[in-house]
C-alpha atoms as a PDB file:
ATOM      1  CA  MET A   1      19.568-141.692 -88.715  1.00  0.00           C
ATOM      2  CA  MET A   2      20.501-139.789 -91.883  1.00  0.00           C
ATOM      3  CA  LEU A   3      22.759-137.410 -89.945  1.00  0.00           C
ATOM      4  CA  LEU A   4      25.910-139.532 -90.252  1.00  0.00           C
ATOM      5  CA  PRO A   5      25.761-140.068 -94.037  1.00  0.00           C
ATOM      6  CA  VAL A   6      25.025-136.378 -94.625  1.00  0.00           C
ATOM      7  CA  LEU A   7      27.896-135.363 -92.321  1.00  0.00           C
ATOM      8  CA  GLY A   8      30.241-137.735 -94.132  1.00  0.00           C
ATOM      9  CA  ILE A   9      29.263-136.407 -97.548  1.00  0.00           C
ATOM     10  CA  LEU A  10      29.627-132.772 -96.437  1.00  0.00           C
ATOM     11  CA  CYS A  11      33.074-133.493 -95.042  1.00  0.00           C
ATOM     12  CA  ALA A  12      34.143-135.241 -98.245  1.00  0.00           C
ATOM     13  CA  VAL A  13      32.900-132.314-100.376  1.00  0.00           C
ATOM     14  CA  SER A  14      34.751-129.903 -98.094  1.00  0.00           C
ATOM     15  CA  GLY A  15      37.943-131.892 -98.659  1.00  0.00           C
ATOM     16  CA  VAL A  16      37.529-131.749-102.427  1.00  0.00           C
ATOM     17  CA  VAL A  17      36.986-127.982-102.309  1.00  0.00           C
ATOM     18  CA  ALA A  18      40.082-127.606-100.105  1.00  0.00           C
ATOM     19  CA  ALA A  19      42.117-129.715-102.569  1.00  0.00           C
ATOM     20  CA  VAL A  20      41.165-127.432-105.456  1.00  0.00           C
ATOM     21  CA  LEU A  21      41.958-124.329-103.391  1.00  0.00           C
ATOM     22  CA  ILE A  22      45.354-125.781-102.440  1.00  0.00           C
ATOM     23  CA  ALA A  23      46.079-126.461-106.111  1.00  0.00           C
ATOM     24  CA  ARG A  24      45.151-122.867-106.981  1.00  0.00           C
ATOM     25  CA  GLU A  25      47.451-121.538-104.242  1.00  0.00           C
ATOM     26  CA  LEU A  26      50.335-123.623-105.574  1.00  0.00           C
ATOM     27  CA  GLU A  27      49.705-122.365-109.105  1.00  0.00           C
ATOM     28  CA  ARG A  28      49.634-118.807-107.810  1.00  0.00           C
ATOM     29  CA  ARG A  29      53.090-119.434-106.337  1.00  0.00           C
ATOM     30  CA  GLY A  30      54.363-120.681-109.704  1.00  0.00           C
ATOM     31  CA  LEU A  31      54.307-124.427-109.108  1.00  0.00           C
ATOM     32  CA  PRO A  32      52.868-126.739-111.779  1.00  0.00           C
ATOM     33  CA  VAL A  33      49.551-128.416-110.936  1.00  0.00           C
ATOM     34  CA  ASN A  34      47.841-131.174-112.910  1.00  0.00           C
ATOM     35  CA  TYR A  35      44.076-130.834-112.415  1.00  0.00           C
ATOM     36  CA  VAL A  36      43.332-133.966-114.455  1.00  0.00           C
ATOM     37  CA  TRP A  37      45.192-136.124-111.938  1.00  0.00           C
ATOM     38  CA  LEU A  38      44.484-133.955-108.886  1.00  0.00           C
ATOM     39  CA  GLY A  39      43.129-136.889-106.876  1.00  0.00           C
ATOM     40  CA  LEU A  40      46.336-138.829-107.457  1.00  0.00           C
ATOM     41  CA  PHE A  41      48.741-135.975-106.748  1.00  0.00           C
ATOM     42  CA  ILE A  42      46.915-134.282-103.852  1.00  0.00           C
ATOM     43  CA  PRO A  43      49.168-135.854-101.167  1.00  0.00           C
ATOM     44  CA  LYS A  44      52.161-134.294-102.923  1.00  0.00           C
ATOM     45  CA  TYR A  45      50.393-130.946-103.292  1.00  0.00           C
ATOM     46  CA  ILE A  46      49.323-130.900 -99.656  1.00  0.00           C
ATOM     47  CA  GLY A  47      52.907-131.489 -98.578  1.00  0.00           C
ATOM     48  CA  GLN A  48      54.144-128.714-100.856  1.00  0.00           C
ATOM     49  CA  TYR A  49      51.475-126.340 -99.583  1.00  0.00           C
ATOM     50  CA  ALA A  50      52.273-127.115 -95.944  1.00  0.00           C
ATOM     51  CA  ARG A  51      56.009-126.660 -96.501  1.00  0.00           C
ATOM     52  CA  ILE A  52      55.659-123.427 -98.473  1.00  0.00           C
ATOM     53  CA  THR A  53      53.208-121.788 -96.090  1.00  0.00           C
ATOM     54  CA  HIS A  54      55.308-122.844 -93.104  1.00  0.00           C
ATOM     55  CA  GLU A  55      58.397-121.290 -94.690  1.00  0.00           C
ATOM     56  CA  GLU A  56      56.507-118.074 -95.501  1.00  0.00           C
ATOM     57  CA  THR A  57      54.674-117.510 -92.231  1.00  0.00           C
ATOM     58  CA  GLY A  58      56.077-119.931 -89.676  1.00  0.00           C
ATOM     59  CA  ARG A  59      52.721-121.725 -89.586  1.00  0.00           C
ATOM     60  CA  VAL A  60      50.996-124.209 -91.842  1.00  0.00           C
ATOM     61  CA  GLY A  61      48.325-122.549 -93.989  1.00  0.00           C
ATOM     62  CA  PRO A  62      44.628-122.892 -93.136  1.00  0.00           C
ATOM     63  CA  LEU A  63      43.786-124.853 -96.277  1.00  0.00           C
ATOM     64  CA  PHE A  64      45.877-127.728 -94.946  1.00  0.00           C
ATOM     65  CA  TYR A  65      43.544-128.077 -91.976  1.00  0.00           C
ATOM     66  CA  LEU A  66      40.490-127.483 -94.174  1.00  0.00           C
ATOM     67  CA  PHE A  67      41.583-130.581 -96.090  1.00  0.00           C
ATOM     68  CA  VAL A  68      42.843-132.879 -93.329  1.00  0.00           C
ATOM     69  CA  LEU A  69      40.228-132.403 -90.609  1.00  0.00           C
ATOM     70  CA  PRO A  70      37.019-132.882 -92.647  1.00  0.00           C
ATOM     71  CA  LEU A  71      38.436-135.897 -94.461  1.00  0.00           C
ATOM     72  CA  SER A  72      39.436-137.433 -91.131  1.00  0.00           C
ATOM     73  CA  VAL A  73      35.892-136.912 -89.866  1.00  0.00           C
ATOM     74  CA  ALA A  74      34.472-138.360 -93.095  1.00  0.00           C
ATOM     75  CA  LEU A  75      36.673-141.437 -92.745  1.00  0.00           C
ATOM     76  CA  PHE A  76      35.512-141.911 -89.160  1.00  0.00           C
ATOM     77  CA  VAL A  77      31.840-141.462 -90.096  1.00  0.00           C
ATOM     78  CA  PHE A  78      32.011-143.937 -92.966  1.00  0.00           C
ATOM     79  CA  ALA A  79      33.858-146.437 -90.743  1.00  0.00           C
ATOM     80  CA  VAL A  80      31.089-146.154 -88.135  1.00  0.00           C
ATOM     81  CA  LEU A  81      28.462-146.627 -90.837  1.00  0.00           C
ATOM     82  CA  ALA A  82      30.298-149.674 -92.194  1.00  0.00           C
ATOM     83  CA  ILE A  83      30.579-151.261 -88.766  1.00  0.00           C
ATOM     84  CA  ARG A  84      26.915-150.587 -88.024  1.00  0.00           C
ATOM     85  CA  GLY A  85      25.981-152.120 -91.360  1.00  0.00           C
ATOM     86  CA  TRP A  86      27.906-155.320 -90.664  1.00  0.00           C
ATOM     87  CA  SER A  87      26.356-156.012 -87.283  1.00  0.00           C
END
């Protein structure tokens, strides 16, 4: 029964780690990154990262998927938990 909450938390942590790694990659490429407001600006940074990596290699970088997929799973898991809690 504790599998879903643990999976959701692991996915959320993975997304946070991916967000920090994306910010570091953008800084490495010379773009300004605000770590204080990272949670607010991460949609912008993800878009920049996807665009830049696509221009460089013809494919979106792996950190994009490391951010999007686990957070999608976490959202699904927490939605399931919420629905189960309401019934």
